[in-house]
Amino acid sequence: MQTLTGQLLQNGLVVADGVRGNFEVEVQRDGTERWSGYFILPPGITVNNGQHYDLALNDGRAKQIEISRVNAYPTQTTVSFGSPN
């Protein structure tokens, strides 16, 4: 797993800044990358299962992701994601 820090964007607009979490990259036979992992949303931000976003990392990498699970707790919201099919 790799550590991630960055922004969550939708239609070019920043939805959440300062997301942090972990992810892994799987390289497919055709050379494309599939990302999967999780991040913690800043307070006051909500996302829904099935929504697509761009995840832009502070190191310059970016990937379109699909939200697969949202776990909302009183102290934080953890979001699982993967590359869309």
PDB file of N, CA and C in Angstrom:
ATOM      1  N   MET A   1       0.847  -1.183   0.000  1.00  0.00           N
ATOM      2  CA  MET A   1       0.000   0.000   0.000  1.00  0.00           C
ATOM      3  C   MET A   1       0.888   1.242   0.000  1.00  0.00           C
ATOM      4  N   GLN A   2       0.407   2.225  -0.732  1.00  0.00           N
ATOM      5  CA  GLN A   2       1.067   3.518  -0.786  1.00  0.00           C
ATOM      6  C   GLN A   2       0.209   4.538  -0.051  1.00  0.00           C
ATOM      7  N   THR A   3       0.852   5.519   0.539  1.00  0.00           N
ATOM      8  CA  THR A   3       0.146   6.599   1.214  1.00  0.00           C
ATOM      9  C   THR A   3      -0.307   7.621   0.183  1.00  0.00           C
ATOM     10  N   LEU A   4      -1.513   8.168   0.371  1.00  0.00           N
ATOM     11  CA  LEU A   4      -1.992   9.223  -0.523  1.00  0.00           C
ATOM     12  C   LEU A   4      -2.389  10.452   0.272  1.00  0.00           C
ATOM     13  N   THR A   5      -2.126  11.593  -0.336  1.00  0.00           N
ATOM     14  CA  THR A   5      -2.582  12.883   0.152  1.00  0.00           C
ATOM     15  C   THR A   5      -2.915  13.705  -1.079  1.00  0.00           C
ATOM     16  N   GLY A   6      -4.076  14.334  -1.095  1.00  0.00           N
ATOM     17  CA  GLY A   6      -4.419  15.108  -2.282  1.00  0.00           C
ATOM     18  C   GLY A   6      -5.798  15.708  -2.228  1.00  0.00           C
ATOM     19  N   GLN A   7      -6.381  15.859  -3.428  1.00  0.00           N
ATOM     20  CA  GLN A   7      -7.687  16.479  -3.589  1.00  0.00           C
ATOM     21  C   GLN A   7      -8.641  15.535  -4.293  1.00  0.00           C
ATOM     22  N   LEU A   8      -9.910  15.695  -3.984  1.00  0.00           N
ATOM     23  CA  LEU A   8     -10.983  14.998  -4.670  1.00  0.00           C
ATOM     24  C   LEU A   8     -11.714  16.037  -5.509  1.00  0.00           C
ATOM     25  N   LEU A   9     -11.811  15.775  -6.815  1.00  0.00           N
ATOM     26  CA  LEU A   9     -12.440  16.728  -7.730  1.00  0.00           C
ATOM     27  C   LEU A   9     -13.591  16.081  -8.483  1.00  0.00           C
ATOM     28  N   GLN A  10     -14.574  16.909  -8.863  1.00  0.00           N
ATOM     29  CA  GLN A  10     -15.671  16.445  -9.707  1.00  0.00           C
ATOM     30  C   GLN A  10     -15.960  17.547 -10.711  1.00  0.00           C
ATOM     31  N   ASN A  11     -15.933  17.183 -11.997  1.00  0.00           N
ATOM     32  CA  ASN A  11     -16.130  18.153 -13.082  1.00  0.00           C
ATOM     33  C   ASN A  11     -15.151  19.327 -12.979  1.00  0.00           C
ATOM     34  N   GLY A  12     -13.916  19.038 -12.564  1.00  0.00           N
ATOM     35  CA  GLY A  12     -12.883  20.057 -12.479  1.00  0.00           C
ATOM     36  C   GLY A  12     -12.927  20.928 -11.242  1.00  0.00           C
ATOM     37  N   LEU A  13     -13.913  20.729 -10.387  1.00  0.00           N
ATOM     38  CA  LEU A  13     -14.047  21.525  -9.163  1.00  0.00           C
ATOM     39  C   LEU A  13     -13.597  20.718  -7.951  1.00  0.00           C
ATOM     40  N   VAL A  14     -12.887  21.362  -7.040  1.00  0.00           N
ATOM     41  CA  VAL A  14     -12.412  20.687  -5.835  1.00  0.00           C
ATOM     42  C   VAL A  14     -13.587  20.443  -4.892  1.00  0.00           C
ATOM     43  N   VAL A  15     -13.810  19.169  -4.587  1.00  0.00           N
ATOM     44  CA  VAL A  15     -14.862  18.761  -3.652  1.00  0.00           C
ATOM     45  C   VAL A  15     -14.284  18.676  -2.244  1.00  0.00           C
ATOM     46  N   ALA A  16     -13.058  18.156  -2.141  1.00  0.00           N
ATOM     47  CA  ALA A  16     -12.407  18.003  -0.842  1.00  0.00           C
ATOM     48  C   ALA A  16     -10.905  18.179  -1.016  1.00  0.00           C
ATOM     49  N   ASP A  17     -10.315  18.963  -0.146  1.00  0.00           N
ATOM     50  CA  ASP A  17      -8.876  19.180  -0.151  1.00  0.00           C
ATOM     51  C   ASP A  17      -8.302  18.522   1.094  1.00  0.00           C
ATOM     52  N   GLY A  18      -7.114  17.981   0.982  1.00  0.00           N
ATOM     53  CA  GLY A  18      -6.464  17.381   2.145  1.00  0.00           C
ATOM     54  C   GLY A  18      -6.937  15.985   2.481  1.00  0.00           C
ATOM     55  N   VAL A  19      -7.472  15.249   1.464  1.00  0.00           N
ATOM     56  CA  VAL A  19      -7.831  13.856   1.738  1.00  0.00           C
ATOM     57  C   VAL A  19      -6.545  13.063   1.945  1.00  0.00           C
ATOM     58  N   ARG A  20      -6.602  12.081   2.808  1.00  0.00           N
ATOM     59  CA  ARG A  20      -5.436  11.251   3.085  1.00  0.00           C
ATOM     60  C   ARG A  20      -5.881   9.816   3.283  1.00  0.00           C
ATOM     61  N   GLY A  21      -5.017   8.889   2.910  1.00  0.00           N
ATOM     62  CA  GLY A  21      -5.356   7.483   3.042  1.00  0.00           C
ATOM     63  C   GLY A  21      -4.275   6.608   2.457  1.00  0.00           C
ATOM     64  N   ASN A  22      -4.681   5.451   1.945  1.00  0.00           N
ATOM     65  CA  ASN A  22      -3.758   4.482   1.355  1.00  0.00           C
ATOM     66  C   ASN A  22      -4.391   3.885   0.108  1.00  0.00           C
ATOM     67  N   PHE A  23      -3.537   3.488  -0.839  1.00  0.00           N
ATOM     68  CA  PHE A  23      -4.029   2.863  -2.059  1.00  0.00           C
ATOM     69  C   PHE A  23      -2.960   1.953  -2.629  1.00  0.00           C
ATOM     70  N   GLU A  24      -3.402   1.099  -3.551  1.00  0.00           N
ATOM     71  CA  GLU A  24      -2.464   0.267  -4.284  1.00  0.00           C
ATOM     72  C   GLU A  24      -2.760   0.377  -5.769  1.00  0.00           C
ATOM     73  N   VAL A  25      -1.717   0.153  -6.551  1.00  0.00           N
ATOM     74  CA  VAL A  25      -1.819   0.248  -7.999  1.00  0.00           C
ATOM     75  C   VAL A  25      -1.572  -1.136  -8.579  1.00  0.00           C
ATOM     76  N   GLU A  26      -2.519  -1.587  -9.400  1.00  0.00           N
ATOM     77  CA  GLU A  26      -2.373  -2.860 -10.103  1.00  0.00           C
ATOM     78  C   GLU A  26      -2.258  -2.541 -11.588  1.00  0.00           C
ATOM     79  N   VAL A  27      -1.170  -2.983 -12.199  1.00  0.00           N
ATOM     80  CA  VAL A  27      -0.970  -2.749 -13.624  1.00  0.00           C
ATOM     81  C   VAL A  27      -1.612  -3.903 -14.401  1.00  0.00           C
ATOM     82  N   GLN A  28      -2.535  -3.563 -15.301  1.00  0.00           N
ATOM     83  CA  GLN A  28      -3.249  -4.556 -16.104  1.00  0.00           C
ATOM     84  C   GLN A  28      -2.371  -5.054 -17.256  1.00  0.00           C
ATOM     85  N   ARG A  29      -2.781  -6.108 -17.899  1.00  0.00           N
ATOM     86  CA  ARG A  29      -2.026  -6.665 -19.035  1.00  0.00           C
ATOM     87  C   ARG A  29      -1.812  -5.657 -20.152  1.00  0.00           C
ATOM     88  N   ASP A  30      -2.789  -4.765 -20.350  1.00  0.00           N
ATOM     89  CA  ASP A  30      -2.666  -3.770 -21.418  1.00  0.00           C
ATOM     90  C   ASP A  30      -1.856  -2.546 -20.994  1.00  0.00           C
ATOM     91  N   GLY A  31      -1.318  -2.567 -19.761  1.00  0.00           N
ATOM     92  CA  GLY A  31      -0.483  -1.476 -19.273  1.00  0.00           C
ATOM     93  C   GLY A  31      -1.217  -0.403 -18.499  1.00  0.00           C
ATOM     94  N   THR A  32      -2.554  -0.441 -18.484  1.00  0.00           N
ATOM     95  CA  THR A  32      -3.305   0.545 -17.716  1.00  0.00           C
ATOM     96  C   THR A  32      -3.206   0.229 -16.223  1.00  0.00           C
ATOM     97  N   GLU A  33      -3.384   1.257 -15.430  1.00  0.00           N
ATOM     98  CA  GLU A  33      -3.319   1.098 -13.979  1.00  0.00           C
ATOM     99  C   GLU A  33      -4.717   1.082 -13.384  1.00  0.00           C
ATOM    100  N   ARG A  34      -4.916   0.205 -12.431  1.00  0.00           N
ATOM    101  CA  ARG A  34      -6.156   0.153 -11.654  1.00  0.00           C
ATOM    102  C   ARG A  34      -5.791   0.505 -10.222  1.00  0.00           C
ATOM    103  N   TRP A  35      -6.418   1.552  -9.694  1.00  0.00           N
ATOM    104  CA  TRP A  35      -6.173   1.985  -8.325  1.00  0.00           C
ATOM    105  C   TRP A  35      -7.306   1.487  -7.435  1.00  0.00           C
ATOM    106  N   SER A  36      -6.961   1.136  -6.212  1.00  0.00           N
ATOM    107  CA  SER A  36      -7.973   0.815  -5.208  1.00  0.00           C
ATOM    108  C   SER A  36      -7.404   1.174  -3.842  1.00  0.00           C
ATOM    109  N   GLY A  37      -8.298   1.556  -2.939  1.00  0.00           N
ATOM    110  CA  GLY A  37      -7.847   1.918  -1.596  1.00  0.00           C
ATOM    111  C   GLY A  37      -8.929   2.640  -0.826  1.00  0.00           C
ATOM    112  N   TYR A  38      -8.483   3.485   0.078  1.00  0.00           N
ATOM    113  CA  TYR A  38      -9.425   4.248   0.903  1.00  0.00           C
ATOM    114  C   TYR A  38      -8.810   5.592   1.257  1.00  0.00           C
ATOM    115  N   PHE A  39      -9.665   6.520   1.638  1.00  0.00           N
ATOM    116  CA  PHE A  39      -9.199   7.800   2.171  1.00  0.00           C
ATOM    117  C   PHE A  39     -10.192   8.296   3.202  1.00  0.00           C
ATOM    118  N   ILE A  40      -9.736   9.253   3.989  1.00  0.00           N
ATOM    119  CA  ILE A  40     -10.565   9.879   5.016  1.00  0.00           C
ATOM    120  C   ILE A  40     -10.974  11.251   4.499  1.00  0.00           C
ATOM    121  N   LEU A  41     -12.272  11.522   4.527  1.00  0.00           N
ATOM    122  CA  LEU A  41     -12.777  12.816   4.078  1.00  0.00           C
ATOM    123  C   LEU A  41     -12.639  13.855   5.184  1.00  0.00           C
ATOM    124  N   PRO A  42     -12.352  15.100   4.823  1.00  0.00           N
ATOM    125  CA  PRO A  42     -12.388  16.179   5.815  1.00  0.00           C
ATOM    126  C   PRO A  42     -13.813  16.342   6.348  1.00  0.00           C
ATOM    127  N   PRO A  43     -13.972  16.860   7.561  1.00  0.00           N
ATOM    128  CA  PRO A  43     -15.306  17.060   8.140  1.00  0.00           C
ATOM    129  C   PRO A  43     -16.190  17.930   7.240  1.00  0.00           C
ATOM    130  N   GLY A  44     -17.481  17.584   7.179  1.00  0.00           N
ATOM    131  CA  GLY A  44     -18.458  18.364   6.436  1.00  0.00           C
ATOM    132  C   GLY A  44     -18.589  18.004   4.964  1.00  0.00           C
ATOM    133  N   ILE A  45     -17.774  17.075   4.468  1.00  0.00           N
ATOM    134  CA  ILE A  45     -17.826  16.664   3.070  1.00  0.00           C
ATOM    135  C   ILE A  45     -18.546  15.319   2.990  1.00  0.00           C
ATOM    136  N   THR A  46     -19.446  15.166   2.013  1.00  0.00           N
ATOM    137  CA  THR A  46     -20.140  13.893   1.820  1.00  0.00           C
ATOM    138  C   THR A  46     -19.994  13.443   0.371  1.00  0.00           C
ATOM    139  N   VAL A  47     -19.913  12.138   0.180  1.00  0.00           N
ATOM    140  CA  VAL A  47     -19.904  11.515  -1.149  1.00  0.00           C
ATOM    141  C   VAL A  47     -20.829  10.306  -1.072  1.00  0.00           C
ATOM    142  N   ASN A  48     -21.220   9.781  -2.234  1.00  0.00           N
ATOM    143  CA  ASN A  48     -22.135   8.643  -2.268  1.00  0.00           C
ATOM    144  C   ASN A  48     -21.554   7.498  -3.080  1.00  0.00           C
ATOM    145  N   ASN A  49     -21.959   6.292  -2.731  1.00  0.00           N
ATOM    146  CA  ASN A  49     -21.545   5.108  -3.485  1.00  0.00           C
ATOM    147  C   ASN A  49     -21.877   5.283  -4.961  1.00  0.00           C
ATOM    148  N   GLY A  50     -20.973   4.831  -5.814  1.00  0.00           N
ATOM    149  CA  GLY A  50     -21.194   4.863  -7.245  1.00  0.00           C
ATOM    150  C   GLY A  50     -20.800   6.162  -7.933  1.00  0.00           C
ATOM    151  N   GLN A  51     -20.550   7.213  -7.168  1.00  0.00           N
ATOM    152  CA  GLN A  51     -20.153   8.478  -7.781  1.00  0.00           C
ATOM    153  C   GLN A  51     -18.716   8.394  -8.296  1.00  0.00           C
ATOM    154  N   HIS A  52     -18.449   9.125  -9.389  1.00  0.00           N
ATOM    155  CA  HIS A  52     -17.110   9.175  -9.979  1.00  0.00           C
ATOM    156  C   HIS A  52     -16.465  10.517  -9.656  1.00  0.00           C
ATOM    157  N   TYR A  53     -15.195  10.462  -9.332  1.00  0.00           N
ATOM    158  CA  TYR A  53     -14.408  11.647  -9.011  1.00  0.00           C
ATOM    159  C   TYR A  53     -13.029  11.492  -9.632  1.00  0.00           C
ATOM    160  N   ASP A  54     -12.292  12.590  -9.656  1.00  0.00           N
ATOM    161  CA  ASP A  54     -10.873  12.537  -9.973  1.00  0.00           C
ATOM    162  C   ASP A  54     -10.134  12.685  -8.660  1.00  0.00           C
ATOM    163  N   LEU A  55      -9.185  11.785  -8.433  1.00  0.00           N
ATOM    164  CA  LEU A  55      -8.337  11.852  -7.256  1.00  0.00           C
ATOM    165  C   LEU A  55      -6.987  12.375  -7.719  1.00  0.00           C
ATOM    166  N   ALA A  56      -6.632  13.585  -7.294  1.00  0.00           N
ATOM    167  CA  ALA A  56      -5.376  14.229  -7.681  1.00  0.00           C
ATOM    168  C   ALA A  56      -4.442  14.221  -6.478  1.00  0.00           C
ATOM    169  N   LEU A  57      -3.358  13.483  -6.585  1.00  0.00           N
ATOM    170  CA  LEU A  57      -2.415  13.363  -5.487  1.00  0.00           C
ATOM    171  C   LEU A  57      -1.433  14.531  -5.477  1.00  0.00           C
ATOM    172  N   ASN A  58      -0.909  14.828  -4.308  1.00  0.00           N
ATOM    173  CA  ASN A  58       0.052  15.922  -4.171  1.00  0.00           C
ATOM    174  C   ASN A  58       1.334  15.665  -4.956  1.00  0.00           C
ATOM    175  N   ASP A  59       1.633  14.405  -5.289  1.00  0.00           N
ATOM    176  CA  ASP A  59       2.856  14.100  -6.039  1.00  0.00           C
ATOM    177  C   ASP A  59       2.660  14.235  -7.552  1.00  0.00           C
ATOM    178  N   GLY A  60       1.476  14.669  -7.993  1.00  0.00           N
ATOM    179  CA  GLY A  60       1.225  14.910  -9.410  1.00  0.00           C
ATOM    180  C   GLY A  60       0.447  13.817 -10.121  1.00  0.00           C
ATOM    181  N   ARG A  61       0.323  12.649  -9.520  1.00  0.00           N
ATOM    182  CA  ARG A  61      -0.462  11.583 -10.143  1.00  0.00           C
ATOM    183  C   ARG A  61      -1.951  11.863  -9.960  1.00  0.00           C
ATOM    184  N   ALA A  62      -2.745  11.367 -10.902  1.00  0.00           N
ATOM    185  CA  ALA A  62      -4.197  11.548 -10.820  1.00  0.00           C
ATOM    186  C   ALA A  62      -4.878  10.369 -11.496  1.00  0.00           C
ATOM    187  N   LYS A  63      -6.091  10.059 -11.038  1.00  0.00           N
ATOM    188  CA  LYS A  63      -6.847   8.934 -11.594  1.00  0.00           C
ATOM    189  C   LYS A  63      -8.324   9.169 -11.336  1.00  0.00           C
ATOM    190  N   GLN A  64      -9.151   8.767 -12.306  1.00  0.00           N
ATOM    191  CA  GLN A  64     -10.587   8.773 -12.057  1.00  0.00           C
ATOM    192  C   GLN A  64     -10.908   7.575 -11.182  1.00  0.00           C
ATOM    193  N   ILE A  65     -11.730   7.798 -10.165  1.00  0.00           N
ATOM    194  CA  ILE A  65     -12.103   6.736  -9.237  1.00  0.00           C
ATOM    195  C   ILE A  65     -13.617   6.664  -9.114  1.00  0.00           C
ATOM    196  N   GLU A  66     -14.084   5.531  -8.601  1.00  0.00           N
ATOM    197  CA  GLU A  66     -15.493   5.337  -8.298  1.00  0.00           C
ATOM    198  C   GLU A  66     -15.606   4.979  -6.825  1.00  0.00           C
ATOM    199  N   ILE A  67     -16.513   5.647  -6.122  1.00  0.00           N
ATOM    200  CA  ILE A  67     -16.725   5.378  -4.699  1.00  0.00           C
ATOM    201  C   ILE A  67     -17.446   4.035  -4.559  1.00  0.00           C
ATOM    202  N   SER A  68     -16.879   3.126  -3.776  1.00  0.00           N
ATOM    203  CA  SER A  68     -17.493   1.809  -3.607  1.00  0.00           C
ATOM    204  C   SER A  68     -18.116   1.612  -2.225  1.00  0.00           C
ATOM    205  N   ARG A  69     -17.670   2.397  -1.249  1.00  0.00           N
ATOM    206  CA  ARG A  69     -18.229   2.258   0.095  1.00  0.00           C
ATOM    207  C   ARG A  69     -17.936   3.513   0.903  1.00  0.00           C
ATOM    208  N   VAL A  70     -18.922   3.950   1.687  1.00  0.00           N
ATOM    209  CA  VAL A  70     -18.763   5.106   2.559  1.00  0.00           C
ATOM    210  C   VAL A  70     -19.094   4.663   3.977  1.00  0.00           C
ATOM    211  N   ASN A  71     -18.143   4.822   4.884  1.00  0.00           N
ATOM    212  CA  ASN A  71     -18.344   4.497   6.294  1.00  0.00           C
ATOM    213  C   ASN A  71     -18.305   5.797   7.087  1.00  0.00           C
ATOM    214  N   ALA A  72     -19.482   6.284   7.473  1.00  0.00           N
ATOM    215  CA  ALA A  72     -19.581   7.541   8.210  1.00  0.00           C
ATOM    216  C   ALA A  72     -19.661   7.254   9.708  1.00  0.00           C
ATOM    217  N   TYR A  73     -18.706   7.792  10.426  1.00  0.00           N
ATOM    218  CA  TYR A  73     -18.655   7.667  11.888  1.00  0.00           C
ATOM    219  C   TYR A  73     -18.731   9.076  12.482  1.00  0.00           C
ATOM    220  N   PRO A  74     -19.048   9.193  13.751  1.00  0.00           N
ATOM    221  CA  PRO A  74     -19.143  10.532  14.351  1.00  0.00           C
ATOM    222  C   PRO A  74     -17.844  11.342  14.239  1.00  0.00           C
ATOM    223  N   THR A  75     -16.706  10.674  14.254  1.00  0.00           N
ATOM    224  CA  THR A  75     -15.432  11.404  14.254  1.00  0.00           C
ATOM    225  C   THR A  75     -14.786  11.538  12.875  1.00  0.00           C
ATOM    226  N   GLN A  76     -15.158  10.675  11.916  1.00  0.00           N
ATOM    227  CA  GLN A  76     -14.582  10.752  10.571  1.00  0.00           C
ATOM    228  C   GLN A  76     -15.379   9.901   9.591  1.00  0.00           C
ATOM    229  N   THR A  77     -15.186  10.196   8.308  1.00  0.00           N
ATOM    230  CA  THR A  77     -15.801   9.408   7.235  1.00  0.00           C
ATOM    231  C   THR A  77     -14.691   8.773   6.410  1.00  0.00           C
ATOM    232  N   THR A  78     -14.732   7.445   6.302  1.00  0.00           N
ATOM    233  CA  THR A  78     -13.753   6.701   5.522  1.00  0.00           C
ATOM    234  C   THR A  78     -14.428   6.228   4.236  1.00  0.00           C
ATOM    235  N   VAL A  79     -13.753   6.434   3.105  1.00  0.00           N
ATOM    236  CA  VAL A  79     -14.311   6.125   1.790  1.00  0.00           C
ATOM    237  C   VAL A  79     -13.421   5.122   1.083  1.00  0.00           C
ATOM    238  N   SER A  80     -14.018   4.011   0.614  1.00  0.00           N
ATOM    239  CA  SER A  80     -13.295   3.021  -0.199  1.00  0.00           C
ATOM    240  C   SER A  80     -13.554   3.347  -1.664  1.00  0.00           C
ATOM    241  N   PHE A  81     -12.550   3.116  -2.505  1.00  0.00           N
ATOM    242  CA  PHE A  81     -12.680   3.433  -3.920  1.00  0.00           C
ATOM    243  C   PHE A  81     -11.923   2.445  -4.790  1.00  0.00           C
ATOM    244  N   GLY A  82     -12.244   2.488  -6.068  1.00  0.00           N
ATOM    245  CA  GLY A  82     -11.525   1.710  -7.083  1.00  0.00           C
ATOM    246  C   GLY A  82     -11.630   2.434  -8.405  1.00  0.00           C
ATOM    247  N   SER A  83     -10.816   2.034  -9.342  1.00  0.00           N
ATOM    248  CA  SER A  83     -10.930   2.568 -10.704  1.00  0.00           C
ATOM    249  C   SER A  83     -12.232   2.071 -11.299  1.00  0.00           C
ATOM    250  N   PRO A  84     -12.975   2.927 -12.015  1.00  0.00           N
ATOM    251  CA  PRO A  84     -14.230   2.464 -12.622  1.00  0.00           C
ATOM    252  C   PRO A  84     -13.960   1.428 -13.706  1.00  0.00           C
ATOM    253  N   ASN A  85     -14.898   0.541 -13.904  1.00  0.00           N
ATOM    254  CA  ASN A  85     -14.751  -0.500 -14.936  1.00  0.00           C
ATOM    255  C   ASN A  85     -15.085   0.039 -16.304  1.00  0.00           C
TER     256      ASN A  85
END
